[in-house]
Every structure is written in C-alpha cells, then in structure tokens.
Protein backbone atom coordinates (compact mmCIF):
# COMPACT_ATOMS: atom_id res chain seq x y z
CA MET A 1 17.94 -10.01 -92.15
CA ALA A 2 17.08 -6.08 -92.35
CA LEU A 3 15.57 -6.53 -88.73
CA ILE A 4 19.15 -7.79 -87.29
CA LEU A 5 20.93 -5.26 -89.36
CA GLY A 6 18.87 -2.76 -87.92
CA LEU A 7 19.21 -3.88 -84.61
CA TRP A 8 22.94 -3.96 -84.74
CA ILE A 9 22.93 -0.11 -85.97
CA LEU A 10 20.78 0.73 -82.81
CA MET A 11 22.92 -1.29 -80.81
CA TYR A 12 25.91 0.28 -81.75
CA LEU A 13 24.69 3.55 -81.68
CA LEU A 14 23.28 3.47 -77.98
CA ASP A 15 26.91 1.84 -77.20
CA ALA A 16 25.45 -1.41 -76.03
CA ASN A 17 27.74 -3.91 -73.88
CA ARG A 18 29.73 -5.80 -76.56
CA ALA A 19 30.58 -8.54 -73.65
CA ASN A 20 27.07 -9.55 -73.62
CA ASP A 21 26.04 -12.71 -75.42
CA LEU A 22 22.95 -11.15 -77.22
CA VAL A 23 24.93 -7.95 -78.52
CA GLN A 24 27.58 -10.49 -79.73
CA PHE A 25 25.34 -12.67 -81.29
CA VAL A 26 23.76 -9.55 -83.20
CA HIS A 27 27.04 -8.20 -84.01
CA ASN A 28 28.32 -11.59 -85.51
CA ALA A 29 25.08 -12.15 -87.73
CA ALA A 30 25.10 -8.54 -88.86
CA ASN A 31 28.63 -8.73 -89.96
CA TRP A 32 28.12 -11.98 -91.90
CA LEU A 33 24.91 -10.44 -93.48
CA ALA A 34 26.63 -7.23 -94.47
CA GLY A 35 29.88 -8.66 -95.43
CA TRP A 36 29.61 -7.22 -98.63
CA SER A 37 28.76 -3.73 -98.02
CA ARG A 38 30.14 -3.40 -94.24
CA ASP A 39 33.52 -1.66 -95.51
CA LEU A 40 32.33 -0.06 -98.64
CA PHE A 41 32.19 3.49 -97.34
CA THR A 42 35.07 5.14 -95.66
CA PHE A 43 33.73 8.07 -93.81
CA ASP A 44 35.78 9.66 -91.00
CA LYS A 45 33.23 9.00 -88.19
CA ALA A 46 32.66 5.40 -87.20
CA TRP A 47 29.13 5.85 -86.51
CA ALA A 48 28.52 6.90 -90.20
CA ARG A 49 30.39 3.98 -91.65
CA VAL A 50 28.21 1.71 -89.46
CA ILE A 51 24.93 3.32 -90.48
CA ALA A 52 26.20 3.50 -94.33
CA GLY A 53 27.53 -0.14 -94.57
CA TYR A 54 24.89 -1.79 -92.63
CA GLY A 55 22.08 0.16 -93.53
CA LEU A 56 22.80 -0.18 -97.18
CA ALA A 57 22.73 -4.12 -96.77
CA ALA A 58 19.44 -3.67 -94.63
CA VAL A 59 17.88 -1.69 -97.34
CA VAL A 60 19.00 -4.10 -100.18
CA TYR A 61 17.49 -7.06 -98.24
CA LEU A 62 14.33 -5.35 -97.80
CA PHE A 63 14.05 -4.51 -101.65
CA ILE A 64 14.89 -8.03 -102.26
CA GLY A 65 12.29 -9.33 -99.82
CA HIS A 66 9.65 -7.06 -100.98
CA ALA A 67 10.48 -8.25 -104.70
CA ILE A 68 10.18 -11.66 -103.67
CA ALA A 69 6.78 -11.43 -101.73
CA GLY A 70 5.40 -9.65 -104.70
CA ARG A 71 6.43 -12.26 -106.90
CA MET A 72 4.93 -14.87 -104.72
CA SER A 73 1.57 -12.85 -104.22
CA ARG A 74 1.20 -12.78 -108.04
CA ASN A 75 1.31 -16.56 -108.65
C-alpha cells in the first residue's frame, strides 16, 4: 500500500502523463488508499497537499504493516 502511495507521489512530482494507463491506475489506487487523508491538509501549493495527504497515508500503512509483522513474528 505504501509503495503505491509513494509511487503516486513520485509520479505527481515528476509530472507523469496522466493519460497513461499505468499512471491512471496508480492514481486511482492511491486515491482509494488515501481517501481518508487526501484532503486533510490545505496547503497553498498542490505539491505540498499531495505529499502531506498521500505521505501521511503511506506512513500510517507502513506503521500498521510493521506492527502486524512484529505481532506475527512473536507468535
């Protein structure tokens, strides 16, 4: 999940062609994954909103994944 979100942030910052099927797929998946955090911040710059909104979701998913992996390794 965090990989998809990070990939979308990178594609956005590099101004990837949004007409491309892969870019559309990653964007749609990232929108779905970050639906809860996408419009949480209201920075003036669009790139800052993308990094903060999608980045927050990526960090949360990484934290949850790490916690689940740690719990599973103890059992």
